[in-house]
């Protein structure tokens, strides 16, 4: 018999009292709590006990317009929601290059939060954006850019990782 888990998102605002502090400490120790975010959008607890900070605080000197231009060169259209979701996802990935960020656990929820969307919609729109770019000669351009011959359309995770690697290698083009 297959066991399924339901996830419930609960937002709680607590007063700055000793009792509230103890409550938060209990939640931090509770294994059924997957993640806790602070008021400044910093993930302070997750199942892997890692800390992931908000990309917009870390990359204030990141040239998002350079990433936007790169995406347009790969035949991604700014009129697609996936275009904007990829901008946020790649910037997030670049902000934590040494950290292995699971796409469904961290990236989709983060992008959804930034864009007031849902992780499922983020995933779908990104996939559709890749489909469109790939059908408009984006595959050739992507291979030239990344020197990576995938042989097929990349997954959202592969695309984000390869573009993030490109940005890290060409740092001077993407940072002030």
Protein backbone atom coordinates (compact mmCIF):
# COMPACT_ATOMS: atom_id res chain seq x y z
CA UNK A 1 0.00 0.00 0.00
CA UNK A 2 1.43 3.36 -1.03
CA UNK A 3 1.62 6.04 1.64
CA UNK A 4 0.89 9.58 0.57
CA UNK A 5 1.74 12.71 2.50
CA UNK A 6 -0.22 15.92 2.48
CA UNK A 7 1.53 19.22 3.01
CA UNK A 8 -0.22 22.09 4.70
CA UNK A 9 1.20 25.60 4.62
CA UNK A 10 0.45 27.53 7.76
CA UNK A 11 1.50 31.13 8.35
CA UNK A 12 1.75 32.13 11.99
CA UNK A 13 2.73 35.50 13.36
CA UNK A 14 3.94 35.41 16.97
CA UNK A 15 4.66 38.13 19.50
CA UNK A 16 8.21 38.62 20.68
CA UNK A 17 7.74 37.05 24.09
CA UNK A 18 9.56 34.28 25.93
CA UNK A 19 6.57 31.96 25.48
CA UNK A 20 6.50 32.61 21.72
CA UNK A 21 10.24 31.98 21.52
CA UNK A 22 9.75 28.62 23.28
CA UNK A 23 6.94 27.74 20.87
CA UNK A 24 9.15 28.45 17.85
CA UNK A 25 11.98 26.43 19.41
CA UNK A 26 9.57 23.48 19.84
CA UNK A 27 8.52 23.79 16.20
CA UNK A 28 12.18 23.81 15.12
CA UNK A 29 12.65 20.46 16.87
CA UNK A 30 9.41 18.92 15.59
CA UNK A 31 10.24 16.40 12.82
CA UNK A 32 6.83 16.82 11.21
CA UNK A 33 7.60 20.50 10.46
CA UNK A 34 9.31 20.60 7.07
CA UNK A 35 10.33 24.25 6.95
CA UNK A 36 10.03 27.53 8.80
CA UNK A 37 10.57 30.93 7.19
CA UNK A 38 11.32 34.11 9.06
CA UNK A 39 9.64 37.45 8.49
CA UNK A 40 12.45 38.55 6.15
CA UNK A 41 11.82 35.50 3.90
CA UNK A 42 14.83 33.56 5.15
CA UNK A 43 14.38 29.80 5.33
CA UNK A 44 15.56 29.04 8.86
CA UNK A 45 14.61 25.39 9.07
CA UNK A 46 14.03 22.65 6.57
CA UNK A 47 14.19 18.88 6.54
CA UNK A 48 17.89 18.91 5.62
CA UNK A 49 18.78 21.49 8.32
CA UNK A 50 20.27 23.81 5.73
CA UNK A 51 19.98 27.58 5.62
CA UNK A 52 19.04 29.29 2.37
CA UNK A 53 18.93 33.05 2.29
CA UNK A 54 16.83 35.36 0.20
CA UNK A 55 18.41 35.88 -3.22
CA UNK A 56 17.50 39.55 -3.41
CA UNK A 57 19.52 40.35 -0.30
CA UNK A 58 22.56 38.45 -1.58
CA UNK A 59 22.67 39.59 -5.20
CA UNK A 60 21.99 43.31 -5.07
CA UNK A 61 24.70 43.80 -7.71
CA UNK A 62 23.36 41.10 -10.06
CA UNK A 63 22.49 42.41 -13.55
CA UNK A 64 19.09 40.86 -14.13
CA UNK A 65 18.86 42.68 -17.48
CA UNK A 66 21.94 40.72 -18.67
CA UNK A 67 20.21 37.46 -17.77
CA UNK A 68 17.05 38.69 -19.50
CA UNK A 69 19.05 39.43 -22.65
CA UNK A 70 20.65 35.98 -22.51
CA UNK A 71 17.23 34.34 -22.20
CA UNK A 72 15.89 36.33 -25.17
CA UNK A 73 18.93 35.25 -27.24
CA UNK A 74 17.90 31.66 -26.48
CA UNK A 75 14.43 32.44 -27.95
CA UNK A 76 12.59 32.71 -24.64
CA UNK A 77 9.78 35.24 -24.87
CA UNK A 78 9.26 37.81 -22.09
CA UNK A 79 5.52 37.47 -22.73
CA UNK A 80 5.61 33.93 -21.24
CA UNK A 81 5.32 33.64 -17.47
CA UNK A 82 8.03 30.97 -17.61
CA UNK A 83 10.52 33.59 -18.79
CA UNK A 84 10.13 35.60 -15.57
CA UNK A 85 10.07 32.46 -13.44
CA UNK A 86 13.37 31.36 -14.99
CA UNK A 87 14.94 34.76 -14.27
CA UNK A 88 14.08 34.38 -10.59
CA UNK A 89 15.07 30.69 -10.43
CA UNK A 90 18.45 31.20 -12.10
CA UNK A 91 19.24 34.21 -9.91
CA UNK A 92 18.31 32.12 -6.85
CA UNK A 93 20.51 29.23 -8.01
CA UNK A 94 23.44 31.59 -8.67
CA UNK A 95 23.07 33.04 -5.17
CA UNK A 96 23.76 29.59 -3.65
CA UNK A 97 26.28 28.00 -6.06
CA UNK A 98 27.82 25.63 -3.51
CA UNK A 99 24.47 24.43 -2.24
CA UNK A 100 22.52 21.63 -3.90
CA UNK A 101 19.05 23.13 -4.30
CA UNK A 102 16.30 20.65 -5.07
CA UNK A 103 14.03 22.11 -7.71
CA UNK A 104 10.74 20.86 -6.26
CA UNK A 105 11.70 21.42 -2.65
CA UNK A 106 13.29 24.87 -2.87
CA UNK A 107 13.28 26.52 -6.29
CA UNK A 108 9.63 26.11 -7.35
CA UNK A 109 8.26 27.16 -3.94
CA UNK A 110 10.63 30.13 -3.79
CA UNK A 111 9.76 31.33 -7.30
CA UNK A 112 6.05 30.81 -6.60
CA UNK A 113 6.31 32.92 -3.46
CA UNK A 114 8.15 35.74 -5.24
CA UNK A 115 5.60 35.79 -8.08
CA UNK A 116 2.47 35.08 -5.99
CA UNK A 117 1.88 31.83 -7.83
CA UNK A 118 1.93 28.10 -7.08
CA UNK A 119 4.85 25.67 -7.46
CA UNK A 120 2.83 23.59 -9.96
CA UNK A 121 2.15 26.64 -12.14
CA UNK A 122 5.82 27.66 -11.97
CA UNK A 123 6.91 24.19 -13.12
CA UNK A 124 4.39 24.09 -15.96
CA UNK A 125 5.17 27.60 -17.24
CA UNK A 126 8.91 26.92 -17.18
CA UNK A 127 8.41 23.68 -19.10
CA UNK A 128 6.23 25.44 -21.70
CA UNK A 129 8.83 28.22 -22.07
CA UNK A 130 11.53 25.62 -22.78
CA UNK A 131 9.21 23.89 -25.28
CA UNK A 132 8.68 27.16 -27.16
CA UNK A 133 12.37 28.12 -27.17
CA UNK A 134 13.38 24.63 -28.28
CA UNK A 135 10.92 24.69 -31.18
CA UNK A 136 12.34 28.06 -32.33
CA UNK A 137 15.97 26.94 -32.78
CA UNK A 138 16.77 27.39 -29.08
CA UNK A 139 18.38 23.94 -29.00
CA UNK A 140 21.22 25.00 -31.31
CA UNK A 141 21.75 28.26 -29.44
CA UNK A 142 21.70 26.48 -26.08
CA UNK A 143 24.33 23.96 -27.25
CA UNK A 144 26.57 26.78 -28.50
CA UNK A 145 26.19 28.69 -25.26
CA UNK A 146 26.71 25.83 -22.79
CA UNK A 147 28.91 23.52 -24.91
CA UNK A 148 26.56 20.77 -23.78
CA UNK A 149 24.87 18.42 -26.24
CA UNK A 150 21.94 16.98 -24.33
CA UNK A 151 20.42 15.34 -27.39
CA UNK A 152 16.97 16.38 -26.23
CA UNK A 153 15.15 19.26 -24.57
CA UNK A 154 16.57 19.92 -21.07
CA UNK A 155 14.48 19.55 -17.96
CA UNK A 156 13.77 22.69 -15.95
CA UNK A 157 16.43 21.64 -13.45
CA UNK A 158 19.05 21.00 -16.14
CA UNK A 159 18.30 24.33 -17.79
CA UNK A 160 18.55 26.29 -14.53
CA UNK A 161 21.79 24.54 -13.55
CA UNK A 162 23.48 25.00 -16.93
CA UNK A 163 22.52 28.68 -17.20
CA UNK A 164 23.68 29.24 -13.59
CA UNK A 165 27.03 27.61 -14.45
CA UNK A 166 27.33 29.84 -17.51
CA UNK A 167 26.69 32.94 -15.38
CA UNK A 168 29.27 31.87 -12.80
CA UNK A 169 31.85 31.27 -15.57
CA UNK A 170 31.08 34.67 -17.16
CA UNK A 171 30.65 36.53 -13.88
CA UNK A 172 31.88 39.90 -15.20
CA UNK A 173 28.98 40.08 -17.67
CA UNK A 174 26.34 39.52 -14.97
CA UNK A 175 27.58 41.53 -11.99
CA UNK A 176 28.26 45.23 -11.48
